[in-house]
Amino acid sequence: MTDSNRLRLTSVRETTLGVTPNSPRMRTARITGESLSYKPDFVNSEELRSDRMNADPIKTNETIGGGINFEFSFPVPDSPFSDMIASLFFNDWVNAPFRDNDGTAGSKVTSIAATGGVIAVAAGAAFAAGHLVRLTGFGVAGNNGVFKLTTGSSTVPAVGNGILTDEASPPAVARVKVVGFEGASGDIQAVSDGLMATTLDFTTFGLVVGQWVKLGGSASGNKFATAALNDWARITKIAAKKLTLDNLPASWTTDSGAGKSIRVFFGDTIKNGTSMVSLTLEKGFMGQATPTYIVQRGMVAGQGEFSGESEQILKGSVTFNGMTGAQSTVSLDDTPDAATTNGVMSSGVNVARVAENGAAVTSPNFVKSASIQINNNLRMKTAVGTVGAVDIGVGECAVTVNLDTYFGNNAVLAKLLAGTPSNFSQRTQKDGQAVIMAVPRMTFNDGNPQAGGKNQDVMLQLTASASIDPLTSAHVLMDRLEYYEG
């Protein structure tokens, strides 16, 4: 016998659909339940028999697929959750530059030199002067922290003299990650529709239109004197000396930034696309004396949902379509990476902003619950002579938003009746990390306020469908900031 608490689910990304990489490095997923299925399909013979009996059922194929449920936490890069999002979005993350030793000391971050503050790294995405980099996992305590790069490079970025300490071979957990940028004293100023700079070049930082940014650091010298400006906004245009923003704070105003070295934080972003991302999943029933392992290959996220309800944990689910499967008593990886440990988020404590049409939803139409559903409309392609599937067909990316709001006035109802396009975003944050999920263009197409009985709140349960957004060319987007201040 075995027990559900002893289930181990691991995953690895595939390069070729349905093909598990050789000697795969499996990573442990965090789930609350699963309905993953690898099972045969049978039919009965239709032969007529005088004895009124049936012959043995005939196997015709195998079905591979099913779903997982989870509680929402920060989607750590390369984790199963991050890969599942990429599969659901049919796209890969656009990551801010980073290097991570990822288990092997000195492999990607090779050394730190006190002279010049040079951080020697393996070749990869370039770091730029002005980038804020966060160093973690280093053996010398003073080498951990957030620093402004004075020199950009793909191999030898530097923070300047007198800041870092010599470290010959940084540990296996050492990581360098771009988390934002910082201007010189008085260089970044707030204007009516965003930020302007005299010296800084905003086009050098790898920013993306539609991306969310957090303005202002934790120290007084790194944030605007006008407190209302040190908040979140979305990029709508990127020019060398100007960042145009929307979703600005309600009290946004101008500020020269005099005497301030303003920090702006940003992270990684992803939007729905057309590139299939497939995974190999392995279930291990670890409570058995000799564990059984069920492998499902070519698993592509067909549907997914992210939801939150007041006073509840934020939750989600992903349903997969798969190509082939197998079962064995030998694991693909006996020592998979441990699960991530980032904190689970809840709707009341960790949802910092729910916005509709670019403005926070507040009184009198507070949101009771919200969900975003994605359907890639997958179909399995089968062929004579093949068990399982030979390919996966892909349909439209249908995105639906469901909002359950208090019916405080007719503001949103009027948009429903008029067919007025709107948008939706939700920002969650915990432990200095944040995730923003957004549907940049949608139209409400269902909803009706009703008084169901005595002693009840009148609610307006709305449904909206996404359509292509001219600014971002997307139905749905997600940003993740693994570090921000303020």
Protein backbone atom coordinates (compact mmCIF):
# COMPACT_ATOMS: atom_id res chain seq x y z
CA MET A 1 0.00 0.00 0.00
CA THR A 2 1.01 3.64 -0.35
CA ASP A 3 -0.22 7.04 0.77
CA SER A 4 -0.93 10.26 -1.12
CA ASN A 5 1.39 12.18 1.21
CA ARG A 6 4.30 10.13 -0.17
CA LEU A 7 3.77 11.15 -3.78
CA ARG A 8 6.74 12.82 -5.47
CA LEU A 9 6.14 14.71 -8.71
CA THR A 10 9.19 15.84 -10.68
CA SER A 11 9.65 17.43 -14.07
CA VAL A 12 12.20 18.37 -16.71
CA ARG A 13 11.90 20.45 -19.86
CA GLU A 14 12.16 18.68 -23.19
CA THR A 15 14.08 19.94 -26.20
CA THR A 16 12.15 17.70 -28.58
CA LEU A 17 8.44 17.07 -28.04
CA GLY A 18 7.97 13.70 -26.35
CA VAL A 19 11.68 13.01 -25.81
CA THR A 20 13.11 13.06 -22.27
CA PRO A 21 16.65 14.51 -22.18
CA ASN A 22 19.46 12.04 -21.50
CA SER A 23 20.35 11.79 -17.78
CA PRO A 24 17.68 14.36 -16.95
CA ARG A 25 18.01 16.71 -14.01
CA MET A 26 14.56 16.38 -12.46
CA ARG A 27 13.13 19.06 -10.18
CA THR A 28 10.51 18.50 -7.50
CA ALA A 29 7.15 20.20 -8.02
CA ARG A 30 4.92 21.65 -5.29
CA ILE A 31 1.34 20.44 -5.69
CA THR A 32 -1.81 20.00 -3.64
CA GLY A 33 -3.24 17.20 -5.76
CA GLU A 34 -3.11 15.59 -9.19
CA SER A 35 -5.22 13.75 -11.72
CA LEU A 36 -2.40 12.78 -14.08
CA SER A 37 -3.32 9.74 -16.09
CA TYR A 38 -1.39 7.16 -18.09
CA LYS A 39 -3.83 4.42 -19.00
CA PRO A 40 -4.78 2.09 -21.86
CA ASP A 41 -7.85 2.47 -24.05
CA PHE A 42 -9.88 -0.66 -24.80
CA VAL A 43 -12.87 -1.51 -26.96
CA ASN A 44 -14.99 -4.65 -27.09
CA SER A 45 -15.30 -6.73 -30.22
CA GLU A 46 -18.59 -6.40 -32.10
CA GLU A 47 -18.51 -9.99 -33.36
CA LEU A 48 -21.81 -11.86 -33.07
CA ARG A 49 -21.56 -15.00 -30.90
CA SER A 50 -24.19 -17.66 -30.42
CA ASP A 51 -23.04 -18.22 -26.81
CA ARG A 52 -23.77 -14.55 -25.99
CA MET A 53 -20.22 -14.14 -24.67
CA ASN A 54 -17.51 -11.56 -25.38
CA ALA A 55 -13.93 -12.09 -26.42
CA ASP A 56 -11.14 -10.29 -24.59
CA PRO A 57 -11.23 -6.47 -24.82
CA ILE A 58 -8.88 -5.11 -27.47
CA LYS A 59 -6.34 -2.42 -26.61
CA THR A 60 -6.52 0.45 -29.12
CA ASN A 61 -4.31 3.16 -27.67
CA GLU A 62 -3.06 4.84 -24.50
CA THR A 63 -4.27 8.11 -22.96
CA ILE A 64 -1.70 10.43 -21.42
CA GLY A 65 -2.61 13.67 -19.70
CA GLY A 66 -4.36 15.06 -16.66
CA GLY A 67 -4.00 17.91 -14.24
CA ILE A 68 -2.22 19.22 -11.18
CA ASN A 69 -3.39 21.65 -8.53
CA PHE A 70 -1.14 24.01 -6.62
CA GLU A 71 -0.96 26.94 -4.23
CA PHE A 72 0.50 30.09 -5.70
CA SER A 73 4.07 31.05 -4.82
CA PHE A 74 6.83 32.93 -6.60
CA PRO A 75 7.69 31.03 -9.82
CA VAL A 76 11.44 30.58 -9.32
CA PRO A 77 13.31 30.45 -12.67
CA ASP A 78 13.81 26.88 -13.97
CA SER A 79 11.48 25.47 -11.31
CA PRO A 80 8.59 23.18 -12.34
CA PHE A 81 6.11 26.01 -11.70
CA SER A 82 8.06 28.40 -13.94
CA ASP A 83 8.26 25.76 -16.69
CA MET A 84 4.54 25.00 -16.41
CA ILE A 85 3.75 28.69 -16.89
CA ALA A 86 5.98 28.73 -19.98
CA SER A 87 4.16 25.68 -21.33
CA LEU A 88 0.75 27.24 -20.62
CA PHE A 89 1.76 30.55 -22.25
CA PHE A 90 3.34 28.80 -25.26
CA ASN A 91 6.36 31.02 -24.80
CA ASP A 92 9.52 31.36 -22.76
CA TRP A 93 10.35 33.88 -20.09
CA VAL A 94 12.26 37.01 -21.09
CA ASN A 95 14.73 37.08 -18.21
CA ALA A 96 16.70 40.03 -16.94
CA PRO A 97 20.42 39.12 -17.21
CA PHE A 98 21.71 36.69 -14.59
CA ARG A 99 24.39 34.11 -13.86
CA ASP A 100 23.84 31.26 -11.41
CA ASN A 101 26.37 28.65 -10.33
CA ASP A 102 23.38 26.30 -10.00
CA GLY A 103 25.12 23.61 -7.97
CA THR A 104 28.71 23.87 -9.24
CA ALA A 105 31.08 26.31 -7.52
CA GLY A 106 32.82 28.78 -9.81
CA SER A 107 30.99 27.56 -12.91
CA LYS A 108 29.00 30.62 -14.05
CA VAL A 109 30.15 33.19 -11.50
CA THR A 110 33.86 32.49 -11.57
CA SER A 111 35.39 35.12 -9.25
CA ILE A 112 35.13 38.52 -7.62
CA ALA A 113 38.01 41.00 -7.57
CA ALA A 114 38.18 43.84 -5.06
CA THR A 115 40.16 45.96 -7.51
CA GLY A 116 37.57 47.56 -9.74
CA GLY A 117 34.81 45.47 -8.15
CA VAL A 118 34.89 43.10 -11.12
CA ILE A 119 32.43 40.21 -11.10
CA ALA A 120 33.82 37.64 -13.54
CA VAL A 121 31.08 35.55 -15.13
CA ALA A 122 30.62 33.09 -17.98
CA ALA A 123 29.58 34.61 -21.31
CA GLY A 124 25.87 35.29 -21.69
CA ALA A 125 23.35 38.12 -21.74
CA ALA A 126 25.18 41.40 -21.23
CA PHE A 127 24.99 43.50 -18.09
CA ALA A 128 24.78 47.28 -18.59
CA ALA A 129 26.24 50.22 -16.72
CA GLY A 130 23.50 51.48 -14.40
CA HIS A 131 22.00 48.04 -13.85
CA LEU A 132 21.26 47.10 -10.26
CA VAL A 133 22.57 43.60 -9.59
CA ARG A 134 21.69 41.49 -6.60
CA LEU A 135 24.44 39.16 -5.41
CA THR A 136 23.40 36.23 -3.22
CA GLY A 137 25.01 33.01 -1.98
CA PHE A 138 28.59 34.30 -1.85
CA GLY A 139 31.06 33.08 0.76
CA VAL A 140 32.14 36.58 1.77
CA ALA A 141 29.20 38.19 3.57
CA GLY A 142 29.98 41.67 2.23
CA ASN A 143 29.73 40.43 -1.34
CA ASN A 144 26.02 39.76 -0.87
CA GLY A 145 23.69 42.68 -1.53
CA VAL A 146 22.39 45.03 -4.21
CA PHE A 147 24.98 47.02 -6.15
CA LYS A 148 24.98 49.46 -9.06
CA LEU A 149 27.16 48.50 -12.01
CA THR A 150 29.58 51.19 -13.13
CA THR A 151 30.82 49.08 -16.05
CA GLY A 152 28.70 46.87 -18.27
CA SER A 153 29.92 43.66 -19.89
CA SER A 154 28.85 40.13 -20.78
CA THR A 155 31.83 38.66 -18.91
CA VAL A 156 33.39 41.25 -16.54
CA PRO A 157 30.75 43.69 -15.21
CA ALA A 158 32.05 45.86 -12.36
CA VAL A 159 30.75 47.92 -9.45
CA GLY A 160 33.89 49.98 -8.77
CA ASN A 161 36.63 50.03 -6.15
CA GLY A 162 36.16 49.66 -2.41
CA ILE A 163 32.87 47.78 -2.52
CA LEU A 164 33.52 44.04 -2.97
CA THR A 165 36.11 41.63 -1.53
CA ASP A 166 38.27 39.14 -3.41
CA GLU A 167 36.56 35.76 -3.79
CA ALA A 168 38.35 33.22 -5.97
CA SER A 169 35.68 30.59 -6.57
CA PRO A 170 32.16 31.62 -5.46
CA PRO A 171 30.05 28.81 -3.92
CA ALA A 172 27.65 26.52 -5.75
CA VAL A 173 24.73 28.73 -4.68
CA ALA A 174 26.24 32.04 -5.84
CA ARG A 175 23.96 34.06 -8.09
CA VAL A 176 24.14 37.44 -9.84
CA LYS A 177 20.80 38.82 -11.05
CA VAL A 178 19.76 42.15 -12.55
CA VAL A 179 16.86 43.48 -10.48
CA GLY A 180 16.60 47.06 -11.76
CA PHE A 181 18.58 50.17 -12.59
CA GLU A 182 19.74 53.31 -10.79
CA GLY A 183 20.39 56.83 -12.02
CA ALA A 184 23.05 59.26 -10.90
CA SER A 185 22.11 61.91 -8.35
CA GLY A 186 19.37 64.11 -9.81
CA ASP A 187 19.37 62.33 -13.18
CA ILE A 188 15.93 60.65 -13.10
CA GLN A 189 12.89 62.88 -12.73
CA ALA A 190 9.16 62.24 -12.70
CA VAL A 191 7.18 63.97 -15.44
CA SER A 192 3.46 63.99 -16.13
CA ASP A 193 3.45 60.67 -18.00
CA GLY A 194 6.51 58.80 -16.75
CA LEU A 195 10.24 59.23 -16.15
CA MET A 196 12.89 61.30 -17.89
CA ALA A 197 16.68 61.19 -17.61
CA THR A 198 19.49 63.52 -18.58
CA THR A 199 22.35 61.00 -18.73
CA LEU A 200 20.84 57.53 -18.37
CA ASP A 201 19.78 55.64 -21.51
CA PHE A 202 16.63 53.62 -20.79
CA THR A 203 17.06 51.58 -23.98
CA THR A 204 20.17 49.82 -22.61
CA PHE A 205 18.48 47.92 -19.79
CA GLY A 206 16.51 45.27 -21.68
CA LEU A 207 13.11 46.68 -20.72
CA VAL A 208 9.95 45.51 -22.51
CA VAL A 209 6.79 47.44 -23.37
CA GLY A 210 3.99 46.20 -21.13
CA GLN A 211 6.41 45.38 -18.31
CA TRP A 212 5.76 46.52 -14.74
CA VAL A 213 8.29 48.49 -12.71
CA LYS A 214 8.56 49.48 -9.07
CA LEU A 215 9.78 53.07 -8.59
CA GLY A 216 11.98 54.00 -5.65
CA GLY A 217 14.24 52.10 -3.28
CA SER A 218 14.11 51.68 0.48
CA ALA A 219 16.75 54.31 1.32
CA SER A 220 15.72 57.96 1.22
CA GLY A 221 18.50 58.73 -1.25
CA ASN A 222 17.14 56.17 -3.72
CA LYS A 223 13.52 57.31 -3.93
CA PHE A 224 11.54 60.39 -4.82
CA ALA A 225 10.89 62.97 -2.13
CA THR A 226 7.22 62.85 -3.14
CA ALA A 227 6.16 59.63 -1.41
CA ALA A 228 3.22 58.96 -3.76
CA LEU A 229 5.62 58.43 -6.67
CA ASN A 230 7.42 55.50 -5.08
CA ASP A 231 4.95 52.96 -6.37
CA TRP A 232 4.24 50.64 -9.30
CA ALA A 233 3.57 51.49 -12.96
CA ARG A 234 3.58 49.89 -16.40
CA ILE A 235 5.85 50.73 -19.33
CA THR A 236 4.07 51.84 -22.52
CA LYS A 237 7.00 53.34 -24.46
CA ILE A 238 10.79 53.18 -24.20
CA ALA A 239 13.01 55.96 -25.53
CA ALA A 240 16.63 56.77 -24.75
CA LYS A 241 15.81 59.52 -22.28
CA LYS A 242 12.18 58.77 -21.43
CA LEU A 243 10.07 55.95 -20.07
CA THR A 244 6.39 56.54 -20.73
CA LEU A 245 4.22 54.88 -18.08
CA ASP A 246 0.57 54.16 -17.38
CA ASN A 247 -1.26 52.62 -14.41
CA LEU A 248 0.31 55.51 -12.52
CA PRO A 249 -0.51 56.03 -8.84
CA ALA A 250 -3.61 58.12 -8.27
CA SER A 251 -1.53 60.93 -6.70
CA TRP A 252 1.12 60.97 -9.43
CA THR A 253 2.78 64.33 -9.90
CA THR A 254 6.07 65.77 -11.10
CA ASP A 255 9.31 65.63 -9.13
CA SER A 256 12.78 66.75 -10.25
CA GLY A 257 14.52 64.03 -8.24
CA ALA A 258 17.02 66.61 -7.01
CA GLY A 259 19.79 65.03 -4.93
CA LYS A 260 18.28 61.56 -5.39
CA SER A 261 19.80 58.50 -7.06
CA ILE A 262 16.47 57.02 -8.04
CA ARG A 263 16.18 53.24 -8.21
CA VAL A 264 13.72 51.46 -10.49
CA PHE A 265 13.10 47.74 -10.08
CA PHE A 266 11.98 45.30 -12.76
CA GLY A 267 12.08 41.56 -13.37
CA ASP A 268 11.33 38.85 -15.89
CA THR A 269 8.28 38.82 -18.12
CA ILE A 270 6.31 36.40 -20.28
CA LYS A 271 3.33 36.71 -22.62
CA ASN A 272 1.28 34.23 -24.61
CA GLY A 273 2.96 33.14 -27.82
CA THR A 274 3.25 30.36 -30.38
CA SER A 275 6.26 28.32 -29.18
CA MET A 276 5.35 24.94 -27.70
CA VAL A 277 7.09 24.11 -24.41
CA SER A 278 6.86 20.45 -23.41
CA LEU A 279 7.79 18.64 -20.22
CA THR A 280 8.46 15.13 -19.00
CA LEU A 281 6.65 14.48 -15.72
CA GLU A 282 7.38 11.61 -13.34
CA LYS A 283 5.17 10.49 -10.48
CA GLY A 284 6.92 8.50 -7.80
CA PHE A 285 4.90 6.57 -5.21
CA MET A 286 7.56 6.73 -2.51
CA GLY A 287 5.53 4.95 0.17
CA GLN A 288 5.95 1.59 -1.55
CA ALA A 289 8.75 -0.76 -0.50
CA THR A 290 9.96 -0.55 -4.09
CA PRO A 291 8.55 2.71 -5.48
CA THR A 292 6.62 2.71 -8.74
CA TYR A 293 7.41 5.53 -11.14
CA ILE A 294 5.02 6.65 -13.87
CA VAL A 295 6.57 8.77 -16.61
CA GLN A 296 4.54 10.95 -18.97
CA ARG A 297 6.36 12.49 -21.92
CA GLY A 298 5.46 15.31 -24.26
CA MET A 299 3.29 16.96 -21.65
CA VAL A 300 2.00 20.33 -22.88
CA ALA A 301 -0.24 22.61 -20.82
CA GLY A 302 -3.61 22.76 -22.54
CA GLN A 303 -5.54 24.66 -19.90
CA GLY A 304 -4.76 26.57 -16.75
CA GLU A 305 -6.37 28.71 -14.12
CA PHE A 306 -5.11 31.19 -11.52
CA SER A 307 -7.67 32.17 -8.92
CA GLY A 308 -8.11 34.01 -5.67
CA GLU A 309 -10.99 34.41 -3.24
CA SER A 310 -11.13 36.65 -0.20
CA GLU A 311 -9.74 35.07 2.99
CA GLN A 312 -8.25 32.18 0.99
CA ILE A 313 -4.90 31.02 -0.36
CA LEU A 314 -4.24 31.92 -4.00
CA LYS A 315 -4.58 28.74 -6.04
CA GLY A 316 -4.14 27.40 -9.52
CA SER A 317 -4.33 24.38 -11.77
CA VAL A 318 -2.81 23.19 -15.04
CA THR A 319 -4.19 20.44 -17.28
CA PHE A 320 -1.80 18.67 -19.65
CA ASN A 321 -2.06 16.75 -22.90
CA GLY A 322 0.73 14.19 -23.36
CA MET A 323 2.35 12.04 -26.03
CA THR A 324 3.52 8.79 -24.43
CA GLY A 325 3.94 7.14 -21.05
CA ALA A 326 5.63 4.32 -19.19
CA GLN A 327 5.86 2.80 -15.73
CA SER A 328 8.88 1.33 -13.99
CA THR A 329 10.52 0.77 -10.62
CA VAL A 330 13.53 2.83 -11.72
CA SER A 331 13.39 6.62 -11.45
CA LEU A 332 14.61 8.97 -14.15
CA ASP A 333 16.57 10.74 -11.40
CA ASP A 334 17.05 9.23 -7.94
CA THR A 335 18.18 12.58 -6.49
CA PRO A 336 15.97 15.29 -7.95
CA ASP A 337 16.37 18.91 -6.95
CA ALA A 338 14.38 19.80 -3.83
CA ALA A 339 11.21 21.82 -4.16
CA THR A 340 11.39 25.59 -3.90
CA THR A 341 10.60 27.14 -0.53
CA ASN A 342 9.15 30.54 -1.43
CA GLY A 343 6.12 31.39 0.68
CA VAL A 344 2.58 30.61 -0.43
CA MET A 345 0.53 33.75 -1.10
CA SER A 346 -3.00 34.56 0.04
CA SER A 347 -5.62 36.85 -1.43
CA GLY A 348 -6.11 39.12 1.56
CA VAL A 349 -2.54 39.54 2.79
CA ASN A 350 -0.48 39.33 -0.39
CA VAL A 351 -2.66 40.78 -3.14
CA ALA A 352 -1.51 44.40 -3.12
CA ARG A 353 -3.58 45.64 -6.05
CA VAL A 354 -6.47 44.48 -8.22
CA ALA A 355 -7.04 46.84 -11.13
CA GLU A 356 -9.66 47.19 -13.85
CA ASN A 357 -9.16 49.61 -16.72
CA GLY A 358 -5.86 50.78 -15.19
CA ALA A 359 -7.25 51.82 -11.82
CA ALA A 360 -7.38 49.98 -8.52
CA VAL A 361 -10.79 48.45 -7.80
CA THR A 362 -11.92 49.87 -4.47
CA SER A 363 -15.14 50.95 -2.77
CA PRO A 364 -17.95 50.44 -3.55
CA ASN A 365 -17.14 47.67 -6.03
CA PHE A 366 -14.53 45.64 -4.15
CA VAL A 367 -13.56 42.31 -5.72
CA LYS A 368 -14.67 39.23 -3.80
CA SER A 369 -12.94 36.76 -6.12
CA ALA A 370 -11.03 36.83 -9.37
CA SER A 371 -9.69 34.24 -11.79
CA ILE A 372 -7.88 34.07 -15.11
CA GLN A 373 -8.42 31.00 -17.28
CA ILE A 374 -6.26 30.08 -20.28
CA ASN A 375 -7.26 27.49 -22.88
CA ASN A 376 -4.86 26.58 -25.69
CA ASN A 377 -7.46 24.34 -27.35
CA LEU A 378 -5.09 21.42 -27.86
CA ARG A 379 -5.99 18.28 -29.79
CA MET A 380 -4.11 15.00 -29.93
CA LYS A 381 -3.02 13.66 -33.30
CA THR A 382 -2.93 9.86 -33.56
CA ALA A 383 -1.81 7.58 -36.37
CA VAL A 384 -1.92 3.94 -37.43
CA GLY A 385 1.06 2.02 -36.07
CA THR A 386 1.70 4.40 -33.15
CA VAL A 387 0.73 3.97 -29.50
CA GLY A 388 0.07 7.34 -27.92
CA ALA A 389 0.10 10.47 -30.06
CA VAL A 390 2.29 11.51 -32.98
CA ASP A 391 1.79 15.24 -32.45
CA ILE A 392 -0.28 17.85 -30.65
CA GLY A 393 -2.50 20.26 -32.55
CA VAL A 394 -2.77 23.79 -31.22
CA GLY A 395 -5.81 26.05 -31.42
CA GLU A 396 -6.46 29.61 -30.33
CA CYS A 397 -5.28 30.99 -27.00
CA ALA A 398 -8.59 31.75 -25.32
CA VAL A 399 -8.29 33.81 -22.12
CA THR A 400 -11.23 34.43 -19.81
CA VAL A 401 -11.40 36.67 -16.74
CA ASN A 402 -14.02 36.09 -14.04
CA LEU A 403 -14.65 38.80 -11.46
CA ASP A 404 -17.09 38.59 -8.58
CA THR A 405 -17.58 42.16 -7.38
CA TYR A 406 -19.84 43.87 -4.89
CA PHE A 407 -22.52 45.77 -6.79
CA GLY A 408 -21.83 49.17 -5.30
CA ASN A 409 -22.67 51.25 -8.37
CA ASN A 410 -23.22 50.84 -12.09
CA ALA A 411 -19.70 51.76 -13.29
CA VAL A 412 -18.70 48.28 -14.46
CA LEU A 413 -22.22 47.23 -15.40
CA ALA A 414 -22.33 50.17 -17.82
CA LYS A 415 -19.17 48.87 -19.52
CA LEU A 416 -20.73 45.43 -19.86
CA LEU A 417 -23.87 46.79 -21.48
CA ALA A 418 -21.93 49.11 -23.79
CA GLY A 419 -19.34 46.50 -24.78
CA THR A 420 -16.55 48.86 -23.72
CA PRO A 421 -13.06 47.29 -23.83
CA SER A 422 -11.20 47.24 -20.52
CA ASN A 423 -8.21 45.50 -18.93
CA PHE A 424 -7.33 43.65 -15.74
CA SER A 425 -4.23 43.21 -13.59
CA GLN A 426 -3.42 41.77 -10.19
CA ARG A 427 -0.21 42.24 -8.22
CA THR A 428 0.80 39.82 -5.47
CA GLN A 429 3.86 40.30 -3.31
CA LYS A 430 5.60 38.57 -0.44
CA ASP A 431 9.07 38.62 1.12
CA GLY A 432 10.38 41.27 -1.25
CA GLN A 433 9.20 39.43 -4.37
CA ALA A 434 6.27 40.24 -6.62
CA VAL A 435 4.19 38.71 -9.42
CA ILE A 436 1.90 40.73 -11.67
CA MET A 437 -0.57 38.97 -13.93
CA ALA A 438 -2.43 41.01 -16.51
CA VAL A 439 -4.95 40.76 -19.31
CA PRO A 440 -4.21 43.96 -21.25
CA ARG A 441 -7.40 44.06 -23.32
CA MET A 442 -10.72 42.38 -22.60
CA THR A 443 -14.43 42.91 -23.07
CA PHE A 444 -17.07 42.04 -20.48
CA ASN A 445 -19.58 39.71 -22.12
CA ASP A 446 -21.66 38.37 -19.24
CA GLY A 447 -22.90 39.55 -15.87
CA ASN A 448 -26.13 40.33 -14.08
CA PRO A 449 -26.64 41.72 -10.55
CA GLN A 450 -29.20 39.75 -8.59
CA ALA A 451 -30.67 39.71 -5.10
CA GLY A 452 -30.87 36.00 -4.39
CA GLY A 453 -32.63 36.26 -1.06
CA LYS A 454 -32.76 37.97 2.31
CA ASN A 455 -29.68 39.16 4.19
CA GLN A 456 -27.27 38.84 1.27
CA ASP A 457 -24.85 41.12 -0.51
CA VAL A 458 -25.84 41.90 -4.07
CA MET A 459 -22.95 40.78 -6.25
CA LEU A 460 -22.10 41.38 -9.88
CA GLN A 461 -20.49 38.25 -11.33
CA LEU A 462 -18.69 39.30 -14.48
CA THR A 463 -17.07 37.34 -17.29
CA ALA A 464 -14.71 38.91 -19.82
CA SER A 465 -12.92 37.58 -22.90
CA ALA A 466 -9.45 38.72 -23.91
CA SER A 467 -8.61 40.06 -27.36
CA ILE A 468 -5.30 41.10 -28.87
CA ASP A 469 -3.87 44.22 -27.25
CA PRO A 470 -2.38 46.71 -29.75
CA LEU A 471 0.34 47.78 -27.31
CA THR A 472 1.69 44.39 -26.22
CA SER A 473 0.30 42.05 -28.93
CA ALA A 474 -0.83 39.75 -26.14
CA HIS A 475 -3.86 38.23 -24.44
CA VAL A 476 -2.16 37.58 -21.10
CA LEU A 477 1.12 38.58 -19.46
CA MET A 478 2.99 37.82 -16.26
CA ASP A 479 5.88 39.65 -14.61
CA ARG A 480 7.99 38.26 -11.77
CA LEU A 481 10.34 40.40 -9.69
CA GLU A 482 12.58 38.28 -7.50
CA TYR A 483 13.62 41.38 -5.58
CA TYR A 484 12.35 44.92 -5.09
CA GLU A 485 12.54 47.55 -2.36
CA GLY A 486 9.96 49.68 -0.65
